[in-house]
């Protein structure tokens, strides 16, 4: 399965459709079970007589393959948070409960990351693609900090502050509420920042260059 954000140490990743999933191999490892037994448990809850709807199974359990040390292609599953929850519901004991808590926390963090990424992608598509190229394991702040910097330079505040100031729903794009001059400047600085990300890893250095560039553009008008 194609990964938008690669697997972390718990086997949780984001697929190409912005959905957080977990690999059954990692679940077996963390819950100290043989993978074949995890596959058996998944088979039980995804069989037609289990009581789960076809829609739930289709949306939350995706069959996949991995290669073992000998090169054999063996089956595994990629599960959503709901699929994972359904699977481990019957896993009991103190250690299992600790693992459940750890995974739920990590799913929450990953889903928060997805929201940040989607928001950044809507506002600054060129920038988000390059951030993903530059960082092997990008963090939410890699996207939010850069977007906030551009918004502050152009409109004087972050997108969050702009929404609060204008009564805009949380998570909604601010682009429709900006004037053409602001949008044009944001798009211009985004293109400049793509190059600056490589040349100037330091945030403050990029900020100074972008502020200077904006001032030069305004001088020439």
Foldseek 3Di string as FASTA:
>chain_A
DAFPFAQDPQQWTAHPVLFIKHKLVSVCVQLVHPSVVLVVLLCCCQDPPNPDDPVCCVVFWDKDWDQDPVGDTDIIIIGGLVSVCVSLVPPDDPSSVVVNVVVVVVNVLSSVLSLLLVQLCVQQVVQSVLLCVVDNRDHSCSRQVVQQLLCCLQVNGGPVVVCVVVVHDPSDHCVVVDDPVSSVLSNVLSVVVSVCVVVPVDPVVSSVVSSVVVVVVVVVD
